[in-house]
PDB file of N, CA and C in Angstrom:
ATOM      1  N   UNK A   1      66.670 101.483 -10.984  1.00  0.00           N
ATOM      2  CA  UNK A   1      65.964 101.199 -12.260  1.00  0.00           C
ATOM      3  C   UNK A   1      66.187  99.831 -12.808  1.00  0.00           C
ATOM      4  N   UNK A   2      67.361  99.230 -12.179  1.00  0.00           N
ATOM      5  CA  UNK A   2      68.000  97.809 -13.171  1.00  0.00           C
ATOM      6  C   UNK A   2      66.807  96.834 -11.938  1.00  0.00           C
ATOM      7  N   UNK A   3      66.489  97.629 -10.890  1.00  0.00           N
ATOM      8  CA  UNK A   3      65.726  96.593  -9.735  1.00  0.00           C
ATOM      9  C   UNK A   3      64.222  96.606 -10.286  1.00  0.00           C
ATOM     10  N   UNK A   4      63.717  97.552 -10.108  1.00  0.00           N
ATOM     11  CA  UNK A   4      62.441  97.953 -10.190  1.00  0.00           C
ATOM     12  C   UNK A   4      61.700  98.077 -11.638  1.00  0.00           C
ATOM     13  N   UNK A   5      62.686  98.582 -12.342  1.00  0.00           N
ATOM     14  CA  UNK A   5      62.357  98.813 -13.770  1.00  0.00           C
ATOM     15  C   UNK A   5      60.770  99.790 -13.757  1.00  0.00           C
ATOM     16  N   UNK A   6      61.051 100.540 -12.784  1.00  0.00           N
ATOM     17  CA  UNK A   6      60.171 101.711 -12.633  1.00  0.00           C
ATOM     18  C   UNK A   6      60.520 102.849 -12.765  1.00  0.00           C
ATOM     19  N   UNK A   7      60.374 103.567 -14.305  1.00  0.00           N
ATOM     20  CA  UNK A   7      60.504 105.076 -14.194  1.00  0.00           C
ATOM     21  C   UNK A   7      60.066 105.977 -13.611  1.00  0.00           C
ATOM     22  N   UNK A   8      58.668 105.728 -13.065  1.00  0.00           N
ATOM     23  CA  UNK A   8      58.231 106.706 -12.386  1.00  0.00           C
ATOM     24  C   UNK A   8      58.625 106.701 -10.425  1.00  0.00           C
ATOM     25  N   UNK A   9      58.928 105.379 -10.473  1.00  0.00           N
ATOM     26  CA  UNK A   9      59.729 105.267  -9.210  1.00  0.00           C
ATOM     27  C   UNK A   9      60.673 106.331  -9.251  1.00  0.00           C
ATOM     28  N   UNK A  10      61.654 106.068 -10.093  1.00  0.00           N
ATOM     29  CA  UNK A  10      62.784 106.389 -10.235  1.00  0.00           C
ATOM     30  C   UNK A  10      63.002 108.122 -10.248  1.00  0.00           C
ATOM     31  N   UNK A  11      61.691 108.280 -11.359  1.00  0.00           N
ATOM     32  CA  UNK A  11      61.635 109.953 -11.131  1.00  0.00           C
ATOM     33  C   UNK A  11      60.997 110.711 -10.168  1.00  0.00           C
ATOM     34  N   UNK A  12      60.460 109.788  -8.854  1.00  0.00           N
ATOM     35  CA  UNK A  12      59.795 110.177  -7.805  1.00  0.00           C
ATOM     36  C   UNK A  12      61.186 110.272  -6.687  1.00  0.00           C
ATOM     37  N   UNK A  13      61.754 109.235  -7.103  1.00  0.00           N
ATOM     38  CA  UNK A  13      63.171 109.423  -5.946  1.00  0.00           C
ATOM     39  C   UNK A  13      64.194 110.695  -6.423  1.00  0.00           C
ATOM     40  N   UNK A  14      64.445 111.106  -7.621  1.00  0.00           N
ATOM     41  CA  UNK A  14      65.246 111.665  -7.969  1.00  0.00           C
ATOM     42  C   UNK A  14      64.356 113.201  -7.773  1.00  0.00           C
ATOM     43  N   UNK A  15      63.298 113.209  -7.460  1.00  0.00           N
ATOM     44  CA  UNK A  15      62.145 114.668  -7.579  1.00  0.00           C
ATOM     45  C   UNK A  15      62.489 115.062  -8.620  1.00  0.00           C
ATOM     46  N   UNK A  16      62.262 114.344  -9.898  1.00  0.00           N
ATOM     47  CA  UNK A  16      62.041 115.316 -11.296  1.00  0.00           C
ATOM     48  C   UNK A  16      60.403 115.151 -11.358  1.00  0.00           C
ATOM     49  N   UNK A  17      60.317 116.096 -12.062  1.00  0.00           N
ATOM     50  CA  UNK A  17      58.628 116.410 -12.532  1.00  0.00           C
ATOM     51  C   UNK A  17      58.237 115.730 -14.054  1.00  0.00           C
ATOM     52  N   UNK A  18      59.387 115.078 -14.315  1.00  0.00           N
ATOM     53  CA  UNK A  18      59.179 114.549 -16.025  1.00  0.00           C
ATOM     54  C   UNK A  18      59.908 113.054 -15.893  1.00  0.00           C
ATOM     55  N   UNK A  19      59.188 112.121 -16.942  1.00  0.00           N
ATOM     56  CA  UNK A  19      60.177 110.924 -16.761  1.00  0.00           C
ATOM     57  C   UNK A  19      61.099 111.385 -17.948  1.00  0.00           C
ATOM     58  N   UNK A  20      61.205 111.788 -18.999  1.00  0.00           N
ATOM     59  CA  UNK A  20      61.931 112.679 -19.846  1.00  0.00           C
ATOM     60  C   UNK A  20      63.251 112.769 -19.118  1.00  0.00           C
ATOM     61  N   UNK A  21      63.273 113.560 -17.977  1.00  0.00           N
ATOM     62  CA  UNK A  21      64.237 113.882 -17.542  1.00  0.00           C
ATOM     63  C   UNK A  21      65.126 112.834 -16.642  1.00  0.00           C
ATOM     64  N   UNK A  22      64.411 112.174 -15.925  1.00  0.00           N
ATOM     65  CA  UNK A  22      64.536 110.492 -15.195  1.00  0.00           C
ATOM     66  C   UNK A  22      65.603 109.679 -16.131  1.00  0.00           C
ATOM     67  N   UNK A  23      64.726 110.042 -17.419  1.00  0.00           N
ATOM     68  CA  UNK A  23      65.189 108.505 -18.223  1.00  0.00           C
ATOM     69  C   UNK A  23      66.652 109.188 -18.679  1.00  0.00           C
ATOM     70  N   UNK A  24      67.315 110.519 -18.568  1.00  0.00           N
ATOM     71  CA  UNK A  24      68.570 110.581 -19.066  1.00  0.00           C
ATOM     72  C   UNK A  24      69.263 109.949 -18.099  1.00  0.00           C
ATOM     73  N   UNK A  25      69.000 109.728 -16.765  1.00  0.00           N
ATOM     74  CA  UNK A  25      70.041 108.950 -15.986  1.00  0.00           C
ATOM     75  C   UNK A  25      70.227 107.264 -15.974  1.00  0.00           C
ATOM     76  N   UNK A  26      69.061 106.989 -16.957  1.00  0.00           N
ATOM     77  CA  UNK A  26      68.943 105.530 -17.095  1.00  0.00           C
ATOM     78  C   UNK A  26      68.830 104.915 -18.568  1.00  0.00           C
ATOM     79  N   UNK A  27      69.380 105.518 -19.022  1.00  0.00           N
ATOM     80  CA  UNK A  27      69.954 105.419 -20.635  1.00  0.00           C
ATOM     81  C   UNK A  27      70.642 103.850 -20.757  1.00  0.00           C
ATOM     82  N   UNK A  28      69.756 102.438 -21.194  1.00  0.00           N
ATOM     83  CA  UNK A  28      70.579 101.761 -21.327  1.00  0.00           C
ATOM     84  C   UNK A  28      71.462 101.394 -22.428  1.00  0.00           C
ATOM     85  N   UNK A  29      71.354 102.097 -23.314  1.00  0.00           N
ATOM     86  CA  UNK A  29      72.200 102.331 -24.564  1.00  0.00           C
ATOM     87  C   UNK A  29      73.597 102.954 -23.949  1.00  0.00           C
ATOM     88  N   UNK A  30      73.525 104.014 -23.531  1.00  0.00           N
ATOM     89  CA  UNK A  30      74.614 104.682 -22.743  1.00  0.00           C
ATOM     90  C   UNK A  30      75.481 103.569 -21.598  1.00  0.00           C
ATOM     91  N   UNK A  31      75.026 102.769 -20.933  1.00  0.00           N
ATOM     92  CA  UNK A  31      75.414 101.809 -20.239  1.00  0.00           C
ATOM     93  C   UNK A  31      76.219 100.795 -21.341  1.00  0.00           C
ATOM     94  N   UNK A  32      75.396 100.098 -22.464  1.00  0.00           N
ATOM     95  CA  UNK A  32      75.993  99.304 -23.396  1.00  0.00           C
ATOM     96  C   UNK A  32      77.085  99.870 -23.652  1.00  0.00           C
ATOM     97  N   UNK A  33      77.353 100.962 -24.358  1.00  0.00           N
ATOM     98  CA  UNK A  33      78.358 101.484 -24.768  1.00  0.00           C
ATOM     99  C   UNK A  33      79.700 101.477 -23.943  1.00  0.00           C
ATOM    100  N   UNK A  34      79.274 101.811 -22.452  1.00  0.00           N
ATOM    101  CA  UNK A  34      80.246 102.223 -21.343  1.00  0.00           C
ATOM    102  C   UNK A  34      80.820 100.812 -21.384  1.00  0.00           C
ATOM    103  N   UNK A  35      80.419  99.748 -21.278  1.00  0.00           N
ATOM    104  CA  UNK A  35      80.702  98.260 -20.931  1.00  0.00           C
ATOM    105  C   UNK A  35      81.198  97.736 -22.181  1.00  0.00           C
ATOM    106  N   UNK A  36      81.184  98.049 -23.166  1.00  0.00           N
ATOM    107  CA  UNK A  36      81.762  97.967 -24.983  1.00  0.00           C
ATOM    108  C   UNK A  36      82.923  98.445 -24.550  1.00  0.00           C
ATOM    109  N   UNK A  37      83.186  99.771 -24.356  1.00  0.00           N
ATOM    110  CA  UNK A  37      84.084 100.491 -24.382  1.00  0.00           C
ATOM    111  C   UNK A  37      85.566 100.094 -23.430  1.00  0.00           C
ATOM    112  N   UNK A  38      84.668  99.420 -21.976  1.00  0.00           N
ATOM    113  CA  UNK A  38      85.493  98.822 -20.922  1.00  0.00           C
ATOM    114  C   UNK A  38      86.346  97.551 -21.715  1.00  0.00           C
ATOM    115  N   UNK A  39      85.222  96.693 -21.980  1.00  0.00           N
ATOM    116  CA  UNK A  39      85.617  95.479 -22.639  1.00  0.00           C
ATOM    117  C   UNK A  39      87.076  95.541 -23.692  1.00  0.00           C
ATOM    118  N   UNK A  40      86.848  96.630 -24.495  1.00  0.00           N
ATOM    119  CA  UNK A  40      87.576  97.090 -25.628  1.00  0.00           C
ATOM    120  C   UNK A  40      88.963  97.212 -25.134  1.00  0.00           C
ATOM    121  N   UNK A  41      88.976  98.196 -24.273  1.00  0.00           N
ATOM    122  CA  UNK A  41      90.380  98.574 -23.341  1.00  0.00           C
ATOM    123  C   UNK A  41      91.123  97.459 -22.828  1.00  0.00           C
ATOM    124  N   UNK A  42      90.010  96.629 -22.071  1.00  0.00           N
ATOM    125  CA  UNK A  42      90.643  95.485 -21.541  1.00  0.00           C
ATOM    126  C   UNK A  42      91.495  94.398 -22.583  1.00  0.00           C
ATOM    127  N   UNK A  43      90.853  94.374 -23.710  1.00  0.00           N
ATOM    128  CA  UNK A  43      90.972  93.798 -24.891  1.00  0.00           C
ATOM    129  C   UNK A  43      92.418  94.028 -25.328  1.00  0.00           C
ATOM    130  N   UNK A  44      92.526  95.235 -25.610  1.00  0.00           N
ATOM    131  CA  UNK A  44      93.933  96.049 -25.767  1.00  0.00           C
ATOM    132  C   UNK A  44      94.999  95.977 -24.853  1.00  0.00           C
ATOM    133  N   UNK A  45      94.857  95.897 -23.755  1.00  0.00           N
ATOM    134  CA  UNK A  45      95.592  95.880 -22.789  1.00  0.00           C
ATOM    135  C   UNK A  45      96.198  94.488 -22.736  1.00  0.00           C
ATOM    136  N   UNK A  46      95.247  93.409 -23.060  1.00  0.00           N
ATOM    137  CA  UNK A  46      95.764  92.145 -23.177  1.00  0.00           C
ATOM    138  C   UNK A  46      96.500  91.490 -24.125  1.00  0.00           C
ATOM    139  N   UNK A  47      96.382  92.135 -25.258  1.00  0.00           N
ATOM    140  CA  UNK A  47      96.697  91.947 -26.802  1.00  0.00           C
ATOM    141  C   UNK A  47      98.299  92.767 -26.368  1.00  0.00           C
ATOM    142  N   UNK A  48      98.367  94.030 -25.831  1.00  0.00           N
ATOM    143  CA  UNK A  48      99.989  94.153 -25.735  1.00  0.00           C
ATOM    144  C   UNK A  48     100.658  93.644 -24.470  1.00  0.00           C
ATOM    145  N   UNK A  49      99.888  93.175 -23.733  1.00  0.00           N
ATOM    146  CA  UNK A  49     101.316  92.228 -22.747  1.00  0.00           C
ATOM    147  C   UNK A  49     101.620  90.767 -23.196  1.00  0.00           C
ATOM    148  N   UNK A  50     100.684  90.466 -24.294  1.00  0.00           N
ATOM    149  CA  UNK A  50     101.141  89.295 -25.070  1.00  0.00           C
ATOM    150  C   UNK A  50     102.360  89.230 -25.866  1.00  0.00           C
ATOM    151  N   UNK A  51     102.665  90.440 -26.401  1.00  0.00           N
ATOM    152  CA  UNK A  51     103.852  90.918 -26.902  1.00  0.00           C
ATOM    153  C   UNK A  51     105.084  90.926 -26.057  1.00  0.00           C
TER     154      UNK A  51
END
């Protein structure tokens, strides 16, 4: 999805009949949340190591 940005291509590759179903695998907000949580965890670890 990141490369083609084509939900219909992704839908076909996954064998889905609905773009809604395919979109569940490509939710950019969910990926942003995962990245933010990871960065927060890294900051906490770095903060603790300084003590």
